Amino acid sequence: MDGKTKAIVAHIFFVGWIIAFVLNLNDKEEFTSFFIRQTLLLHVMVLIGWIPFFGWFFWIAGIILLVISLVSAINEEKKEIPFVGSYFQDWFKSF
């Protein structure tokens, strides 16, 4: 599986993220690693969205950013998530 395909799989719910993470362990590719780090934040935001009252904001923002990230993965562009994407790239370099 090539890096682009693994990056796209990482966007498919949290299960897809785990699959892409495991596949990337054996044959590490920087493109895939970039999107694994980015989508970790997005999946956490969507999970926070299940918290009543204020969670809907995180859910909507997570879904919108997930679609934007998916489009950039399909176009093979490395675009960081606004505001916090660079932090996630630094914090999770080992992914």
N, C-alpha and C. Protein backbone atom coordinates (compact mmCIF):
# COMPACT_ATOMS: atom_id res chain seq x y z
N MET A 1 0.85 -1.17 0.00
CA MET A 1 0.00 0.00 0.00
C MET A 1 0.90 1.24 0.00
N ASP A 2 0.60 2.19 -0.85
CA ASP A 2 1.45 3.38 -0.94
C ASP A 2 1.07 4.40 0.13
N GLY A 3 1.89 5.44 0.27
CA GLY A 3 1.71 6.44 1.31
C GLY A 3 0.41 7.21 1.18
N LYS A 4 0.01 7.51 -0.03
CA LYS A 4 -1.22 8.26 -0.25
C LYS A 4 -2.43 7.46 0.23
N THR A 5 -2.46 6.18 -0.10
CA THR A 5 -3.58 5.33 0.30
C THR A 5 -3.64 5.20 1.81
N LYS A 6 -2.49 5.01 2.46
CA LYS A 6 -2.48 4.92 3.92
C LYS A 6 -2.93 6.23 4.56
N ALA A 7 -2.57 7.37 3.96
CA ALA A 7 -2.99 8.67 4.48
C ALA A 7 -4.49 8.84 4.36
N ILE A 8 -5.07 8.36 3.29
CA ILE A 8 -6.52 8.44 3.11
C ILE A 8 -7.23 7.52 4.10
N VAL A 9 -6.70 6.32 4.31
CA VAL A 9 -7.29 5.38 5.27
C VAL A 9 -7.27 5.97 6.68
N ALA A 10 -6.25 6.74 7.02
CA ALA A 10 -6.16 7.35 8.35
C ALA A 10 -7.32 8.30 8.63
N HIS A 11 -7.99 8.78 7.62
CA HIS A 11 -9.11 9.70 7.79
C HIS A 11 -10.44 8.98 8.05
N ILE A 12 -10.48 7.67 7.85
CA ILE A 12 -11.72 6.91 7.97
C ILE A 12 -11.92 6.47 9.41
N PHE A 13 -12.63 7.25 10.14
CA PHE A 13 -12.93 7.00 11.55
C PHE A 13 -11.66 6.66 12.33
N PHE A 14 -11.81 6.31 13.57
CA PHE A 14 -10.65 6.00 14.40
C PHE A 14 -10.06 4.63 14.03
N VAL A 15 -10.91 3.73 13.55
CA VAL A 15 -10.44 2.40 13.14
C VAL A 15 -9.49 2.52 11.95
N GLY A 16 -9.81 3.38 11.00
CA GLY A 16 -8.92 3.61 9.87
C GLY A 16 -7.60 4.20 10.30
N TRP A 17 -7.64 5.06 11.32
CA TRP A 17 -6.41 5.66 11.85
C TRP A 17 -5.52 4.56 12.43
N ILE A 18 -6.10 3.63 13.17
CA ILE A 18 -5.33 2.54 13.77
C ILE A 18 -4.74 1.66 12.67
N ILE A 19 -5.51 1.36 11.64
CA ILE A 19 -5.01 0.54 10.53
C ILE A 19 -3.84 1.24 9.84
N ALA A 20 -3.98 2.52 9.55
CA ALA A 20 -2.90 3.26 8.90
C ALA A 20 -1.67 3.33 9.79
N PHE A 21 -1.88 3.50 11.08
CA PHE A 21 -0.77 3.57 12.03
C PHE A 21 0.01 2.26 12.04
N VAL A 22 -0.70 1.13 12.11
CA VAL A 22 -0.04 -0.18 12.13
C VAL A 22 0.67 -0.45 10.81
N LEU A 23 0.03 -0.13 9.69
CA LEU A 23 0.67 -0.34 8.39
C LEU A 23 1.91 0.53 8.22
N ASN A 24 1.88 1.70 8.82
CA ASN A 24 3.01 2.62 8.69
C ASN A 24 4.17 2.24 9.60
N LEU A 25 3.94 1.39 10.59
CA LEU A 25 5.02 0.96 11.47
C LEU A 25 6.07 0.16 10.71
N ASN A 26 5.63 -0.70 9.82
CA ASN A 26 6.55 -1.56 9.08
C ASN A 26 7.29 -0.82 7.97
N ASP A 27 6.57 -0.01 7.23
CA ASP A 27 7.15 0.70 6.09
C ASP A 27 6.86 2.19 6.27
N LYS A 28 7.66 2.85 7.11
CA LYS A 28 7.39 4.23 7.49
C LYS A 28 7.59 5.17 6.30
N GLU A 29 6.55 5.95 6.03
CA GLU A 29 6.60 6.97 4.98
C GLU A 29 6.24 8.31 5.60
N GLU A 30 6.98 9.34 5.27
CA GLU A 30 6.78 10.66 5.88
C GLU A 30 5.42 11.24 5.53
N PHE A 31 4.95 11.03 4.33
CA PHE A 31 3.63 11.55 3.93
C PHE A 31 2.53 10.96 4.80
N THR A 32 2.58 9.65 4.99
CA THR A 32 1.59 8.97 5.82
C THR A 32 1.72 9.41 7.28
N SER A 33 2.93 9.50 7.78
CA SER A 33 3.15 9.91 9.17
C SER A 33 2.60 11.30 9.42
N PHE A 34 2.75 12.19 8.46
CA PHE A 34 2.22 13.55 8.59
C PHE A 34 0.71 13.51 8.83
N PHE A 35 -0.01 12.73 8.03
CA PHE A 35 -1.46 12.68 8.16
C PHE A 35 -1.91 11.85 9.35
N ILE A 36 -1.12 10.90 9.79
CA ILE A 36 -1.45 10.16 11.01
C ILE A 36 -1.41 11.11 12.20
N ARG A 37 -0.41 11.98 12.24
CA ARG A 37 -0.32 12.96 13.33
C ARG A 37 -1.47 13.96 13.25
N GLN A 38 -1.82 14.41 12.07
CA GLN A 38 -2.89 15.39 11.91
C GLN A 38 -4.25 14.81 12.26
N THR A 39 -4.53 13.62 11.78
CA THR A 39 -5.86 13.06 12.00
C THR A 39 -6.07 12.58 13.43
N LEU A 40 -5.01 12.35 14.17
CA LEU A 40 -5.18 12.01 15.58
C LEU A 40 -5.94 13.13 16.29
N LEU A 41 -5.54 14.35 16.07
CA LEU A 41 -6.22 15.50 16.66
C LEU A 41 -7.68 15.58 16.19
N LEU A 42 -7.90 15.36 14.93
CA LEU A 42 -9.25 15.48 14.38
C LEU A 42 -10.18 14.41 14.94
N HIS A 43 -9.69 13.20 15.09
CA HIS A 43 -10.52 12.14 15.65
C HIS A 43 -10.82 12.40 17.12
N VAL A 44 -9.87 12.96 17.85
CA VAL A 44 -10.12 13.34 19.25
C VAL A 44 -11.18 14.42 19.32
N MET A 45 -11.13 15.39 18.40
CA MET A 45 -12.14 16.45 18.38
C MET A 45 -13.53 15.88 18.12
N VAL A 46 -13.63 14.93 17.23
CA VAL A 46 -14.94 14.33 16.92
C VAL A 46 -15.44 13.53 18.14
N LEU A 47 -14.54 12.85 18.84
CA LEU A 47 -14.94 12.12 20.05
C LEU A 47 -15.40 13.06 21.15
N ILE A 48 -14.74 14.21 21.30
CA ILE A 48 -15.16 15.21 22.28
C ILE A 48 -16.55 15.73 21.92
N GLY A 49 -16.88 15.69 20.66
CA GLY A 49 -18.19 16.14 20.21
C GLY A 49 -19.35 15.38 20.80
N TRP A 50 -19.12 14.23 21.37
CA TRP A 50 -20.20 13.46 21.99
C TRP A 50 -20.56 13.97 23.38
N ILE A 51 -19.76 14.89 23.93
CA ILE A 51 -20.07 15.49 25.23
C ILE A 51 -21.24 16.45 25.05
N PRO A 52 -22.26 16.33 25.86
CA PRO A 52 -23.44 17.19 25.70
C PRO A 52 -23.12 18.68 25.86
N PHE A 53 -23.94 19.49 25.25
CA PHE A 53 -23.95 20.95 25.30
C PHE A 53 -22.83 21.61 24.50
N PHE A 54 -21.59 21.61 24.97
CA PHE A 54 -20.54 22.33 24.26
C PHE A 54 -19.80 21.45 23.25
N GLY A 55 -20.04 20.16 23.28
CA GLY A 55 -19.32 19.24 22.41
C GLY A 55 -19.65 19.37 20.94
N TRP A 56 -20.84 19.88 20.62
CA TRP A 56 -21.24 19.98 19.22
C TRP A 56 -20.29 20.86 18.43
N PHE A 57 -19.71 21.88 19.07
CA PHE A 57 -18.76 22.76 18.38
C PHE A 57 -17.53 21.97 17.94
N PHE A 58 -17.00 21.12 18.83
CA PHE A 58 -15.84 20.30 18.49
C PHE A 58 -16.17 19.30 17.40
N TRP A 59 -17.39 18.74 17.45
CA TRP A 59 -17.78 17.77 16.45
C TRP A 59 -17.85 18.40 15.07
N ILE A 60 -18.51 19.56 14.97
CA ILE A 60 -18.63 20.24 13.68
C ILE A 60 -17.27 20.68 13.16
N ALA A 61 -16.45 21.27 14.04
CA ALA A 61 -15.11 21.72 13.63
C ALA A 61 -14.26 20.53 13.22
N GLY A 62 -14.35 19.43 13.96
CA GLY A 62 -13.57 18.23 13.63
C GLY A 62 -13.95 17.65 12.29
N ILE A 63 -15.24 17.59 12.00
CA ILE A 63 -15.70 17.05 10.71
C ILE A 63 -15.24 17.94 9.56
N ILE A 64 -15.39 19.25 9.71
CA ILE A 64 -14.97 20.18 8.65
C ILE A 64 -13.47 20.07 8.40
N LEU A 65 -12.68 20.07 9.48
CA LEU A 65 -11.23 19.96 9.32
C LEU A 65 -10.81 18.60 8.79
N LEU A 66 -11.57 17.56 9.13
CA LEU A 66 -11.27 16.23 8.61
C LEU A 66 -11.49 16.17 7.11
N VAL A 67 -12.53 16.80 6.61
CA VAL A 67 -12.78 16.83 5.17
C VAL A 67 -11.69 17.63 4.46
N ILE A 68 -11.30 18.77 5.04
CA ILE A 68 -10.22 19.58 4.44
C ILE A 68 -8.92 18.79 4.40
N SER A 69 -8.63 18.07 5.48
CA SER A 69 -7.42 17.26 5.53
C SER A 69 -7.48 16.11 4.53
N LEU A 70 -8.66 15.50 4.39
CA LEU A 70 -8.82 14.41 3.42
C LEU A 70 -8.59 14.89 1.99
N VAL A 71 -9.10 16.06 1.67
CA VAL A 71 -8.90 16.61 0.33
C VAL A 71 -7.42 16.88 0.08
N SER A 72 -6.71 17.38 1.08
CA SER A 72 -5.28 17.63 0.88
C SER A 72 -4.50 16.32 0.78
N ALA A 73 -4.95 15.27 1.46
CA ALA A 73 -4.30 13.96 1.31
C ALA A 73 -4.53 13.39 -0.08
N ILE A 74 -5.74 13.55 -0.60
CA ILE A 74 -6.04 13.06 -1.95
C ILE A 74 -5.21 13.81 -2.98
N ASN A 75 -5.01 15.12 -2.76
CA ASN A 75 -4.22 15.93 -3.69
C ASN A 75 -2.72 15.85 -3.42
N GLU A 76 -2.33 15.00 -2.46
CA GLU A 76 -0.92 14.79 -2.08
C GLU A 76 -0.25 16.09 -1.65
N GLU A 77 -0.95 16.89 -0.85
CA GLU A 77 -0.41 18.14 -0.30
C GLU A 77 -0.34 18.02 1.21
N LYS A 78 0.73 18.48 1.80
CA LYS A 78 0.86 18.48 3.25
C LYS A 78 0.40 19.84 3.78
N LYS A 79 -0.84 19.92 4.22
CA LYS A 79 -1.37 21.14 4.81
C LYS A 79 -1.69 20.87 6.27
N GLU A 80 -1.11 21.68 7.15
CA GLU A 80 -1.36 21.50 8.57
C GLU A 80 -2.72 22.05 8.96
N ILE A 81 -3.28 21.48 10.02
CA ILE A 81 -4.53 21.97 10.58
C ILE A 81 -4.28 23.35 11.15
N PRO A 82 -5.17 24.31 10.92
CA PRO A 82 -4.96 25.66 11.46
C PRO A 82 -4.82 25.67 12.98
N PHE A 83 -3.98 26.53 13.47
CA PHE A 83 -3.74 26.81 14.89
C PHE A 83 -2.94 25.74 15.61
N VAL A 84 -3.32 24.49 15.56
CA VAL A 84 -2.67 23.47 16.39
C VAL A 84 -1.94 22.39 15.59
N GLY A 85 -2.03 22.42 14.29
CA GLY A 85 -1.40 21.38 13.47
C GLY A 85 0.10 21.30 13.65
N SER A 86 0.75 22.44 13.77
CA SER A 86 2.21 22.44 13.95
C SER A 86 2.60 21.86 15.30
N TYR A 87 1.77 22.08 16.32
CA TYR A 87 2.05 21.50 17.64
C TYR A 87 1.96 19.98 17.60
N PHE A 88 0.95 19.47 16.92
CA PHE A 88 0.81 18.02 16.82
C PHE A 88 1.95 17.40 16.03
N GLN A 89 2.46 18.11 15.04
CA GLN A 89 3.61 17.60 14.29
C GLN A 89 4.84 17.50 15.20
N ASP A 90 5.00 18.45 16.11
CA ASP A 90 6.14 18.43 17.03
C ASP A 90 5.95 17.41 18.14
N TRP A 91 4.76 17.36 18.74
CA TRP A 91 4.51 16.48 19.87
C TRP A 91 4.58 15.02 19.51
N PHE A 92 4.14 14.66 18.33
CA PHE A 92 4.04 13.25 17.94
C PHE A 92 4.98 12.90 16.80
N LYS A 93 6.21 13.35 16.88
CA LYS A 93 7.20 13.05 15.84
C LYS A 93 7.46 11.56 15.69
N SER A 94 7.26 10.80 16.74
CA SER A 94 7.56 9.37 16.69
C SER A 94 6.55 8.57 15.86
N PHE A 95 5.39 9.16 15.56
CA PHE A 95 4.39 8.48 14.76
C PHE A 95 4.85 8.52 13.37
